[in-house]
Protein backbone atom coordinates (compact mmCIF):
# COMPACT_ATOMS: atom_id res chain seq x y z
CA MET A 1 0.00 0.00 0.00
CA ARG A 2 2.80 2.44 0.82
CA LYS A 3 4.28 1.95 -2.63
CA GLU A 4 0.98 2.86 -4.32
CA ILE A 5 0.41 5.91 -2.10
CA ALA A 6 4.00 7.09 -2.67
CA SER A 7 3.60 6.59 -6.42
CA TYR A 8 0.35 8.58 -6.37
CA LEU A 9 1.99 11.44 -4.49
CA GLU A 10 5.04 11.43 -6.77
CA SER A 11 2.86 11.55 -9.88
CA ALA A 12 1.01 14.60 -8.56
CA GLY A 13 3.84 16.88 -9.66
CA ASP A 14 3.72 15.60 -13.24
CA LYS A 15 -0.06 15.90 -13.30
CA ARG A 16 0.13 19.43 -11.97
CA ILE A 17 2.52 20.50 -14.73
CA LYS A 18 0.31 18.96 -17.41
CA LEU A 19 -2.86 20.47 -15.93
CA LYS A 20 -1.23 23.88 -15.66
CA ARG A 21 -0.39 23.67 -19.36
CA ILE A 22 -3.95 22.61 -20.24
CA PHE A 23 -5.60 25.28 -18.10
CA SER A 24 -3.28 28.00 -19.42
CA TYR A 25 -5.27 27.65 -22.65
CA LEU A 26 -8.60 27.89 -20.83
CA LEU A 27 -7.99 30.37 -18.02
CA THR A 28 -6.21 33.64 -17.54
CA GLY A 29 -5.07 32.65 -14.00
CA PRO A 30 -4.29 32.28 -11.18
CA PHE A 31 -2.91 28.77 -11.57
CA ASN A 32 -1.49 28.29 -8.08
CA ARG A 33 -4.75 29.00 -6.27
CA LYS A 34 -5.29 26.86 -3.18
CA ASN A 35 -8.26 24.53 -3.00
CA ALA A 36 -9.81 24.76 0.47
CA VAL A 37 -11.65 21.44 0.11
CA ILE A 38 -8.51 19.48 -0.81
CA ASP A 39 -6.52 21.29 1.88
CA GLU A 40 -9.11 20.27 4.48
CA MET A 41 -9.03 16.67 3.25
CA LEU A 42 -5.23 16.63 3.60
CA THR A 43 -5.50 18.07 7.10
CA GLU A 44 -8.04 15.39 7.99
CA MET A 45 -5.73 12.67 6.68
CA LYS A 46 -2.79 14.02 8.70
CA THR A 47 -4.94 14.15 11.82
CA ALA A 48 -6.21 10.60 11.31
CA ARG A 49 -2.65 9.35 10.88
CA ARG A 50 -1.51 11.22 13.98
CA VAL A 51 -4.26 10.01 16.32
CA THR A 52 -4.54 6.40 15.09
CA ALA A 53 -2.05 3.76 16.17
CA PRO A 54 -0.31 1.97 13.30
CA SER A 55 -2.74 -0.78 12.37
CA PHE A 56 -5.20 -1.90 9.75
CA LEU A 57 -7.53 0.83 11.00
CA ARG A 58 -4.99 3.53 10.17
CA ASP A 59 -4.51 1.92 6.74
CA CYS A 60 -8.29 2.06 6.22
CA LEU A 61 -8.37 5.73 7.20
CA VAL A 62 -5.47 6.64 4.93
CA ILE A 63 -7.05 4.87 1.95
CA ALA A 64 -10.44 6.44 2.69
CA ASN A 65 -8.95 9.93 2.91
CA VAL A 66 -6.92 9.56 -0.29
CA GLN A 67 -9.99 8.19 -2.08
CA ASN A 68 -12.05 11.14 -0.80
CA ALA A 69 -9.62 13.59 -2.38
CA ASN A 70 -9.33 11.42 -5.47
CA ASN A 71 -13.11 11.24 -5.98
CA TYR A 72 -13.39 14.99 -5.50
CA LYS A 73 -10.81 15.46 -8.26
CA ILE A 74 -12.60 12.94 -10.52
CA ALA A 75 -15.78 14.99 -10.18
CA ALA A 76 -13.91 18.25 -10.83
CA TYR A 77 -12.09 16.91 -13.91
CA GLY A 78 -15.30 15.40 -15.25
CA THR A 79 -17.06 18.75 -14.89
CA ALA A 80 -14.13 20.60 -16.47
CA LYS A 81 -14.09 18.14 -19.39
CA THR A 82 -17.82 18.59 -20.01
CA PHE A 83 -17.48 22.37 -19.79
CA ALA A 84 -14.50 22.36 -22.18
CA GLU A 85 -16.42 20.19 -24.67
CA GLN A 86 -19.36 22.60 -24.60
CA LEU A 87 -16.91 25.38 -25.45
CA GLY A 88 -15.53 23.32 -28.32
CA LEU A 89 -12.24 22.70 -26.52
CA ASN A 90 -10.44 19.44 -25.87
CA LEU A 91 -9.53 18.39 -22.32
CA PRO A 92 -7.66 15.09 -22.61
CA ASP A 93 -9.26 11.98 -21.09
CA GLU A 94 -5.78 11.17 -19.76
CA VAL A 95 -6.20 13.45 -16.74
CA LEU A 96 -9.47 11.85 -15.68
CA GLY A 97 -7.99 8.42 -16.42
CA TRP A 98 -5.11 9.00 -13.99
CA GLU A 99 -7.50 9.63 -11.13
CA LYS A 100 -9.80 6.74 -12.03
CA ASP A 101 -6.78 4.40 -12.20
CA THR A 102 -5.67 5.56 -8.76
CA ASN A 103 -9.15 4.95 -7.39
CA ARG A 104 -9.19 1.40 -8.80
CA ILE A 105 -5.75 0.67 -7.31
CA LEU A 106 -6.75 1.98 -3.88
CA SER A 107 -10.02 0.03 -3.97
CA ARG A 108 -8.12 -3.15 -4.84
CA ILE A 109 -5.70 -2.59 -1.96
CA ALA A 110 -8.56 -1.93 0.43
CA ILE A 111 -10.44 -5.04 -0.61
CA GLN A 112 -7.54 -7.47 -0.96
CA GLN A 113 -5.26 -6.33 1.85
CA VAL A 114 -6.81 -4.02 4.41
CA ASN A 115 -10.37 -5.35 4.57
CA ALA A 116 -9.02 -8.90 4.85
CA LYS A 117 -7.18 -7.83 8.02
CA VAL A 118 -10.35 -6.25 9.39
CA ALA A 119 -12.26 -9.49 8.81
CA GLN A 120 -9.59 -11.47 10.71
CA ALA A 121 -9.36 -9.05 13.64
CA PRO A 122 -10.84 -10.21 16.93
CA SER A 123 -14.11 -8.50 17.84
């Protein structure tokens, strides 16, 4: 799981560069504007990691928080793509595909690894 989360975080920089290039055609700026919703989700993830002992529960919380942010971005990219299409512009499916791939990977990890530990934990 750590490998997948690390890979997701590392790829964020590449995605950001590509998105900045795409949005430079659509927007006049600012490109480095903070997103309060994503910032709050990141704060929530940090808090959950800090207050939860290392265990399958913490793994569940980390996956849930990353998927929350991921699903928020999927919705935003989907909306942006639809809006761009209505303006006659092309927003590559690649961006939305990245986030959907990440969501599938995290779901697989949750189901195959983390949830299996939950099922085996004593009640």
